[in-house]
C-alpha atoms as a PDB file:
ATOM      1  CA  MET A   1      -7.260  19.668  13.662  1.00  0.00           C
ATOM      2  CA  ALA A   2      -6.584  18.539  17.222  1.00  0.00           C
ATOM      3  CA  ARG A   3      -2.954  18.614  18.332  1.00  0.00           C
ATOM      4  CA  THR A   4      -1.507  15.102  18.574  1.00  0.00           C
ATOM      5  CA  PHE A   5      -0.111  13.929  21.879  1.00  0.00           C
ATOM      6  CA  PHE A   6       2.352  11.531  20.224  1.00  0.00           C
ATOM      7  CA  PRO A   7       6.049  12.492  20.035  1.00  0.00           C
ATOM      8  CA  SER A   8       7.293  12.727  16.451  1.00  0.00           C
ATOM      9  CA  SER A   9      10.318  10.412  16.792  1.00  0.00           C
ATOM     10  CA  ASP A  10      10.273   6.643  17.217  1.00  0.00           C
ATOM     11  CA  ALA A  11      12.389   6.864  20.376  1.00  0.00           C
ATOM     12  CA  GLY A  12      10.130   9.589  21.769  1.00  0.00           C
ATOM     13  CA  LEU A  13       7.047   7.503  21.044  1.00  0.00           C
ATOM     14  CA  LEU A  14       8.600   4.511  22.828  1.00  0.00           C
ATOM     15  CA  ALA A  15       9.328   6.597  25.945  1.00  0.00           C
ATOM     16  CA  TRP A  16       5.805   8.041  25.848  1.00  0.00           C
ATOM     17  CA  SER A  17       4.292   4.560  25.483  1.00  0.00           C
ATOM     18  CA  LEU A  18       6.381   3.165  28.332  1.00  0.00           C
ATOM     19  CA  ASN A  19       4.996   5.786  30.707  1.00  0.00           C
ATOM     20  CA  PHE A  20       1.432   5.335  29.402  1.00  0.00           C
ATOM     21  CA  ASN A  21       1.652   1.549  29.666  1.00  0.00           C
ATOM     22  CA  THR A  22       3.147   1.627  33.169  1.00  0.00           C
ATOM     23  CA  LEU A  23       0.396   3.872  34.554  1.00  0.00           C
ATOM     24  CA  ILE A  24      -2.617   2.146  32.986  1.00  0.00           C
ATOM     25  CA  THR A  25      -1.266  -1.300  33.879  1.00  0.00           C
ATOM     26  CA  ALA A  26      -0.823  -0.338  37.540  1.00  0.00           C
ATOM     27  CA  THR A  27      -4.303   1.171  38.026  1.00  0.00           C
ATOM     28  CA  PRO A  28      -6.420   0.867  34.874  1.00  0.00           C
ATOM     29  CA  THR A  29      -9.741   1.737  36.529  1.00  0.00           C
ATOM     30  CA  ALA A  30      -8.318   5.017  37.814  1.00  0.00           C
ATOM     31  CA  TYR A  31      -8.223   6.128  34.198  1.00  0.00           C
ATOM     32  CA  GLY A  32     -11.591   4.739  33.161  1.00  0.00           C
ATOM     33  CA  LEU A  33     -10.037   1.608  31.626  1.00  0.00           C
ATOM     34  CA  THR A  34     -10.115  -2.112  32.415  1.00  0.00           C
ATOM     35  CA  ALA A  35      -7.384  -4.634  33.130  1.00  0.00           C
ATOM     36  CA  PRO A  36      -7.935  -6.497  29.813  1.00  0.00           C
ATOM     37  CA  LEU A  37      -7.589  -3.230  27.889  1.00  0.00           C
ATOM     38  CA  ALA A  38      -4.371  -2.415  29.726  1.00  0.00           C
ATOM     39  CA  THR A  39      -3.018  -5.914  29.086  1.00  0.00           C
ATOM     40  CA  ALA A  40      -3.828  -5.689  25.383  1.00  0.00           C
ATOM     41  CA  TYR A  41      -2.038  -2.369  25.142  1.00  0.00           C
ATOM     42  CA  GLY A  42       0.960  -3.815  26.994  1.00  0.00           C
ATOM     43  CA  LEU A  43       1.340  -6.465  24.284  1.00  0.00           C
ATOM     44  CA  LEU A  44       1.361  -3.786  21.580  1.00  0.00           C
ATOM     45  CA  HIS A  45       3.928  -1.798  23.531  1.00  0.00           C
ATOM     46  CA  THR A  46       6.175  -4.829  23.864  1.00  0.00           C
ATOM     47  CA  ALA A  47       5.831  -5.565  20.153  1.00  0.00           C
ATOM     48  CA  TYR A  48       6.745  -2.012  19.230  1.00  0.00           C
ATOM     49  CA  ALA A  49       9.743  -1.968  21.584  1.00  0.00           C
ATOM     50  CA  ALA A  50      11.044  -5.211  20.084  1.00  0.00           C
ATOM     51  CA  ALA A  51      10.462  -4.051  16.511  1.00  0.00           C
ATOM     52  CA  LEU A  52      12.210  -0.746  17.169  1.00  0.00           C
ATOM     53  CA  ALA A  53      15.185  -2.533  18.733  1.00  0.00           C
ATOM     54  CA  ALA A  54      15.448  -4.698  15.604  1.00  0.00           C
ATOM     55  CA  CYS A  55      15.891  -1.505  13.578  1.00  0.00           C
ATOM     56  CA  ASP A  56      19.309  -0.818  15.103  1.00  0.00           C
ATOM     57  CA  PRO A  57      21.393   0.851  12.368  1.00  0.00           C
ATOM     58  CA  ALA A  58      23.896  -1.986  12.513  1.00  0.00           C
ATOM     59  CA  VAL A  59      21.322  -4.663  11.759  1.00  0.00           C
ATOM     60  CA  ARG A  60      18.299  -2.894  10.258  1.00  0.00           C
ATOM     61  CA  ASN A  61      16.839  -3.918   6.925  1.00  0.00           C
ATOM     62  CA  LYS A  62      13.687  -3.169   4.927  1.00  0.00           C
ATOM     63  CA  SER A  63      11.801  -6.021   6.540  1.00  0.00           C
ATOM     64  CA  ALA A  64      12.674  -4.831  10.052  1.00  0.00           C
ATOM     65  CA  VAL A  65      11.618  -1.280   9.215  1.00  0.00           C
ATOM     66  CA  ALA A  66       8.302  -2.477   7.785  1.00  0.00           C
ATOM     67  CA  THR A  67       7.659  -4.533  10.932  1.00  0.00           C
ATOM     68  CA  LYS A  68       8.469  -1.542  13.102  1.00  0.00           C
ATOM     69  CA  ASN A  69       6.177   0.740  11.112  1.00  0.00           C
ATOM     70  CA  THR A  70       3.303  -1.718  11.428  1.00  0.00           C
ATOM     71  CA  ALA A  71       3.883  -2.082  15.170  1.00  0.00           C
ATOM     72  CA  ARG A  72       3.984   1.712  15.533  1.00  0.00           C
ATOM     73  CA  THR A  73       0.690   2.115  13.660  1.00  0.00           C
ATOM     74  CA  ASN A  74      -0.991  -0.567  15.786  1.00  0.00           C
ATOM     75  CA  LEU A  75       0.322   1.056  18.968  1.00  0.00           C
ATOM     76  CA  LYS A  76      -0.853   4.549  18.033  1.00  0.00           C
ATOM     77  CA  ASN A  77      -4.290   3.363  16.924  1.00  0.00           C
ATOM     78  CA  GLU A  78      -4.866   1.578  20.231  1.00  0.00           C
ATOM     79  CA  ALA A  79      -3.477   4.496  22.215  1.00  0.00           C
ATOM     80  CA  ARG A  80      -5.967   6.832  20.523  1.00  0.00           C
ATOM     81  CA  LEU A  81      -8.860   4.528  21.422  1.00  0.00           C
ATOM     82  CA  LEU A  82      -7.751   4.353  25.044  1.00  0.00           C
ATOM     83  CA  ALA A  83      -7.190   8.115  25.146  1.00  0.00           C
ATOM     84  CA  ASN A  84     -10.783   8.628  24.000  1.00  0.00           C
ATOM     85  CA  LEU A  85     -11.997   6.391  26.823  1.00  0.00           C
ATOM     86  CA  VAL A  86      -9.900   8.319  29.317  1.00  0.00           C
ATOM     87  CA  GLU A  87     -11.224  11.632  27.950  1.00  0.00           C
ATOM     88  CA  GLY A  88     -14.793  10.355  28.227  1.00  0.00           C
ATOM     89  CA  THR A  89     -14.431   9.400  31.899  1.00  0.00           C
ATOM     90  CA  ALA A  90     -15.638  12.283  34.046  1.00  0.00           C
ATOM     91  CA  SER A  91     -13.736  11.144  37.123  1.00  0.00           C
ATOM     92  CA  VAL A  92     -10.347  11.396  35.410  1.00  0.00           C
ATOM     93  CA  THR A  93      -8.726  14.708  36.287  1.00  0.00           C
ATOM     94  CA  ASN A  94      -6.655  16.945  34.063  1.00  0.00           C
ATOM     95  CA  ALA A  95      -3.632  16.105  36.202  1.00  0.00           C
ATOM     96  CA  GLN A  96      -4.131  12.399  35.476  1.00  0.00           C
ATOM     97  CA  LYS A  97      -4.440  13.070  31.753  1.00  0.00           C
ATOM     98  CA  LEU A  98      -1.228  15.060  31.800  1.00  0.00           C
ATOM     99  CA  SER A  99       0.534  12.286  33.698  1.00  0.00           C
ATOM    100  CA  LEU A 100      -0.428   9.905  30.887  1.00  0.00           C
ATOM    101  CA  GLY A 101       1.013  12.291  28.327  1.00  0.00           C
ATOM    102  CA  LEU A 102      -2.370  13.251  26.888  1.00  0.00           C
ATOM    103  CA  ASN A 103      -3.614  16.677  25.868  1.00  0.00           C
ATOM    104  CA  VAL A 104      -5.919  18.602  28.165  1.00  0.00           C
ATOM    105  CA  LYS A 105      -8.728  20.583  26.595  1.00  0.00           C
ATOM    106  CA  THR A 106      -8.776  24.177  27.688  1.00  0.00           C
ATOM    107  CA  THR A 107     -12.077  25.905  28.339  1.00  0.00           C
ATOM    108  CA  PRO A 108     -11.960  29.607  27.500  1.00  0.00           C
ATOM    109  CA  THR A 109     -12.992  31.885  30.326  1.00  0.00           C
ATOM    110  CA  PRO A 110     -15.987  33.960  29.210  1.00  0.00           C
ATOM    111  CA  ILE A 111     -15.458  37.705  29.262  1.00  0.00           C
ATOM    112  CA  PRO A 112     -17.804  39.180  31.884  1.00  0.00           C
ATOM    113  CA  ALA A 113     -20.205  42.020  31.237  1.00  0.00           C
ATOM    114  CA  PRO A 114     -18.573  45.442  31.675  1.00  0.00           C
ATOM    115  CA  SER A 115     -18.673  46.513  35.293  1.00  0.00           C
ATOM    116  CA  SER A 116     -18.137  50.225  34.766  1.00  0.00           C
ATOM    117  CA  SER A 117     -19.744  52.934  32.648  1.00  0.00           C
ATOM    118  CA  PRO A 118     -17.776  54.975  30.121  1.00  0.00           C
ATOM    119  CA  ASP A 119     -16.781  58.566  30.589  1.00  0.00           C
ATOM    120  CA  LEU A 120     -18.553  60.687  27.952  1.00  0.00           C
ATOM    121  CA  ASP A 121     -16.923  63.911  26.777  1.00  0.00           C
ATOM    122  CA  LEU A 122     -18.543  66.494  24.517  1.00  0.00           C
ATOM    123  CA  VAL A 123     -16.094  67.344  21.719  1.00  0.00           C
ATOM    124  CA  SER A 124     -18.055  69.792  19.575  1.00  0.00           C
ATOM    125  CA  THR A 125     -21.431  70.706  18.135  1.00  0.00           C
ATOM    126  CA  THR A 126     -21.806  71.478  14.442  1.00  0.00           C
ATOM    127  CA  GLY A 127     -25.275  72.497  13.408  1.00  0.00           C
ATOM    128  CA  TRP A 128     -27.484  69.779  14.868  1.00  0.00           C
ATOM    129  CA  THR A 129     -24.661  67.217  15.242  1.00  0.00           C
ATOM    130  CA  VAL A 130     -22.920  66.606  18.548  1.00  0.00           C
ATOM    131  CA  LYS A 131     -19.540  64.871  18.520  1.00  0.00           C
ATOM    132  CA  ILE A 132     -18.784  62.858  21.647  1.00  0.00           C
ATOM    133  CA  ARG A 133     -15.823  60.826  22.826  1.00  0.00           C
ATOM    134  CA  LEU A 134     -16.031  57.793  25.108  1.00  0.00           C
ATOM    135  CA  HIS A 135     -13.167  56.475  27.183  1.00  0.00           C
ATOM    136  CA  ASP A 136     -12.366  54.183  30.069  1.00  0.00           C
ATOM    137  CA  ALA A 137     -13.546  55.802  33.286  1.00  0.00           C
ATOM    138  CA  THR A 138     -11.326  53.501  35.352  1.00  0.00           C
ATOM    139  CA  SER A 139      -8.080  54.520  33.597  1.00  0.00           C
ATOM    140  CA  SER A 140      -6.107  57.628  34.458  1.00  0.00           C
ATOM    141  CA  ALA A 141      -4.993  57.786  30.818  1.00  0.00           C
ATOM    142  CA  LYS A 142      -8.641  58.295  29.787  1.00  0.00           C
ATOM    143  CA  ARG A 143      -8.118  56.792  26.357  1.00  0.00           C
ATOM    144  CA  GLY A 144      -9.864  53.958  24.556  1.00  0.00           C
ATOM    145  CA  LYS A 145     -12.076  51.140  25.712  1.00  0.00           C
ATOM    146  CA  PRO A 146     -11.467  49.037  28.843  1.00  0.00           C
ATOM    147  CA  PRO A 147     -10.181  45.456  28.457  1.00  0.00           C
ATOM    148  CA  GLY A 148     -12.932  43.048  27.384  1.00  0.00           C
ATOM    149  CA  VAL A 149     -15.106  45.786  25.881  1.00  0.00           C
ATOM    150  CA  ASN A 150     -16.078  45.469  22.215  1.00  0.00           C
ATOM    151  CA  GLY A 151     -17.990  48.706  21.816  1.00  0.00           C
ATOM    152  CA  ALA A 152     -20.621  51.067  23.111  1.00  0.00           C
ATOM    153  CA  SER A 153     -24.321  51.754  22.667  1.00  0.00           C
ATOM    154  CA  VAL A 154     -25.270  55.431  22.534  1.00  0.00           C
ATOM    155  CA  PHE A 155     -28.585  57.060  23.460  1.00  0.00           C
ATOM    156  CA  SER A 156     -29.945  60.592  23.208  1.00  0.00           C
ATOM    157  CA  TYR A 157     -32.798  62.557  24.733  1.00  0.00           C
ATOM    158  CA  VAL A 158     -34.283  65.953  23.895  1.00  0.00           C
ATOM    159  CA  GLY A 159     -35.685  67.862  26.826  1.00  0.00           C
ATOM    160  CA  ALA A 160     -34.936  69.841  29.945  1.00  0.00           C
ATOM    161  CA  THR A 161     -34.465  66.832  32.239  1.00  0.00           C
ATOM    162  CA  PRO A 162     -33.297  63.350  31.209  1.00  0.00           C
ATOM    163  CA  PRO A 163     -35.486  60.418  32.313  1.00  0.00           C
ATOM    164  CA  ALA A 164     -34.148  57.637  34.522  1.00  0.00           C
ATOM    165  CA  ASP A 165     -35.772  54.968  32.327  1.00  0.00           C
ATOM    166  CA  ILE A 166     -33.419  54.195  29.408  1.00  0.00           C
ATOM    167  CA  GLY A 167     -36.457  52.979  27.470  1.00  0.00           C
ATOM    168  CA  LEU A 168     -37.554  56.598  27.081  1.00  0.00           C
ATOM    169  CA  TRP A 169     -34.315  57.552  25.349  1.00  0.00           C
ATOM    170  CA  GLN A 170     -33.605  57.480  21.589  1.00  0.00           C
ATOM    171  CA  PHE A 171     -31.242  54.669  20.622  1.00  0.00           C
ATOM    172  CA  GLU A 172     -28.553  56.149  18.357  1.00  0.00           C
ATOM    173  CA  GLY A 173     -26.763  52.889  17.581  1.00  0.00           C
ATOM    174  CA  SER A 174     -23.926  50.619  18.665  1.00  0.00           C
ATOM    175  CA  THR A 175     -20.346  51.103  17.529  1.00  0.00           C
ATOM    176  CA  GLY A 176     -16.816  49.911  18.119  1.00  0.00           C
ATOM    177  CA  LYS A 177     -15.544  53.478  17.805  1.00  0.00           C
ATOM    178  CA  THR A 178     -14.932  55.797  20.740  1.00  0.00           C
ATOM    179  CA  THR A 179     -15.544  59.057  18.858  1.00  0.00           C
ATOM    180  CA  ILE A 180     -19.138  59.278  17.613  1.00  0.00           C
ATOM    181  CA  ASP A 181     -21.262  61.871  15.810  1.00  0.00           C
ATOM    182  CA  VAL A 182     -24.861  62.038  17.040  1.00  0.00           C
ATOM    183  CA  ALA A 183     -27.152  63.857  14.585  1.00  0.00           C
ATOM    184  CA  PHE A 184     -30.356  65.468  15.866  1.00  0.00           C
ATOM    185  CA  PRO A 185     -33.288  66.564  13.646  1.00  0.00           C
ATOM    186  CA  ASN A 186     -32.640  69.969  12.057  1.00  0.00           C
ATOM    187  CA  THR A 187     -36.208  70.879  12.930  1.00  0.00           C
ATOM    188  CA  LEU A 188     -35.124  71.446  16.530  1.00  0.00           C
ATOM    189  CA  ALA A 189     -34.794  75.096  17.488  1.00  0.00           C
ATOM    190  CA  MET A 190     -31.370  76.585  18.118  1.00  0.00           C
ATOM    191  CA  GLY A 191     -30.664  76.538  21.822  1.00  0.00           C
ATOM    192  CA  THR A 192     -32.437  73.195  22.340  1.00  0.00           C
ATOM    193  CA  LYS A 193     -31.008  71.209  25.208  1.00  0.00           C
ATOM    194  CA  VAL A 194     -30.150  67.574  24.481  1.00  0.00           C
ATOM    195  CA  TRP A 195     -28.696  64.776  26.550  1.00  0.00           C
ATOM    196  CA  LEU A 196     -26.382  61.905  25.737  1.00  0.00           C
ATOM    197  CA  THR A 197     -25.508  58.705  27.557  1.00  0.00           C
ATOM    198  CA  ALA A 198     -23.847  55.399  26.659  1.00  0.00           C
ATOM    199  CA  PHE A 199     -22.882  52.010  28.007  1.00  0.00           C
ATOM    200  CA  TRP A 200     -20.141  49.519  27.127  1.00  0.00           C
ATOM    201  CA  PHE A 201     -20.844  46.001  25.857  1.00  0.00           C
ATOM    202  CA  ASN A 202     -18.656  42.905  25.506  1.00  0.00           C
ATOM    203  CA  ASN A 203     -18.298  40.351  22.675  1.00  0.00           C
ATOM    204  CA  ARG A 204     -21.462  38.574  23.839  1.00  0.00           C
ATOM    205  CA  LYS A 205     -23.423  41.835  23.680  1.00  0.00           C
ATOM    206  CA  GLN A 206     -23.729  41.955  27.460  1.00  0.00           C
ATOM    207  CA  SER A 207     -23.961  45.549  28.576  1.00  0.00           C
ATOM    208  CA  GLY A 208     -22.655  47.431  31.556  1.00  0.00           C
ATOM    209  CA  PRO A 209     -24.179  50.409  33.389  1.00  0.00           C
ATOM    210  CA  ALA A 210     -24.994  53.598  31.517  1.00  0.00           C
ATOM    211  CA  CYS A 211     -22.958  56.673  32.273  1.00  0.00           C
ATOM    212  CA  THR A 212     -24.368  59.795  33.896  1.00  0.00           C
ATOM    213  CA  PRO A 213     -26.224  61.786  31.204  1.00  0.00           C
ATOM    214  CA  VAL A 214     -24.259  64.697  29.734  1.00  0.00           C
ATOM    215  CA  ALA A 215     -26.073  67.793  28.416  1.00  0.00           C
ATOM    216  CA  ALA A 216     -25.324  69.682  25.210  1.00  0.00           C
ATOM    217  CA  THR A 217     -26.956  72.657  23.524  1.00  0.00           C
ATOM    218  CA  LEU A 218     -27.650  72.835  19.794  1.00  0.00           C
ATOM    219  CA  TYR A 219     -26.358  76.253  18.701  1.00  0.00           C
ATOM    220  CA  GLY A 220     -26.731  75.810  14.961  1.00  0.00           C
ATOM    221  CA  GLY A 221     -23.073  76.736  14.325  1.00  0.00           C
ATOM    222  CA  THR A 222     -19.781  75.049  15.184  1.00  0.00           C
ATOM    223  CA  VAL A 223     -18.788  75.099  18.837  1.00  0.00           C
ATOM    224  CA  SER A 224     -15.765  73.282  20.257  1.00  0.00           C
ATOM    225  CA  LEU A 225     -16.497  71.875  23.696  1.00  0.00           C
ATOM    226  CA  ALA A 226     -13.546  69.614  24.573  1.00  0.00           C
ATOM    227  CA  ALA A 227     -10.604  71.058  26.443  1.00  0.00           C
END
């Protein structure tokens, strides 16, 4: 539900309406309105002000309160209609809307594609599985993902020299984790050289550059590689 721009109290609403009425009466076209619309609103404002004054605690009665409530409803209904016209006028600036006491819609800033590649560390090899850890290459702490990054896509290659074309690599999957196990076929001979690379992606699945390929050797046993 959209946040209302009306103050919650009767006195607050009257002060809000006075400002709104003063501005649209002075220059209605500046807000995408017309003089007749501003005049009609002015009459509702005057009626509400008079009805609210008649509800002074010293003189108020049920009839006066009912009149005030009706005048308040009429005022708010018309104010909403005029606010919609103001909102629909492209030439009206956010500053003008704020001056009228209206809400300003905020447009979220899209998160850009990652601009840097991750650092890829080899943690260990166990049999034909290589454990890697990714972290922010731009941070001295070297922990976790950079701001705006949702996860990483990981690729592998088996061979002496990794190709420059990422299309020739094996896609191992996308993950939000930074520590990943990459399993190679157990049909590969012990001592086979493999390569791993990865790139970050944001919440719109836009990817950044891939990191420099890192080599590992499948020893068949368990070998710890990280310092």
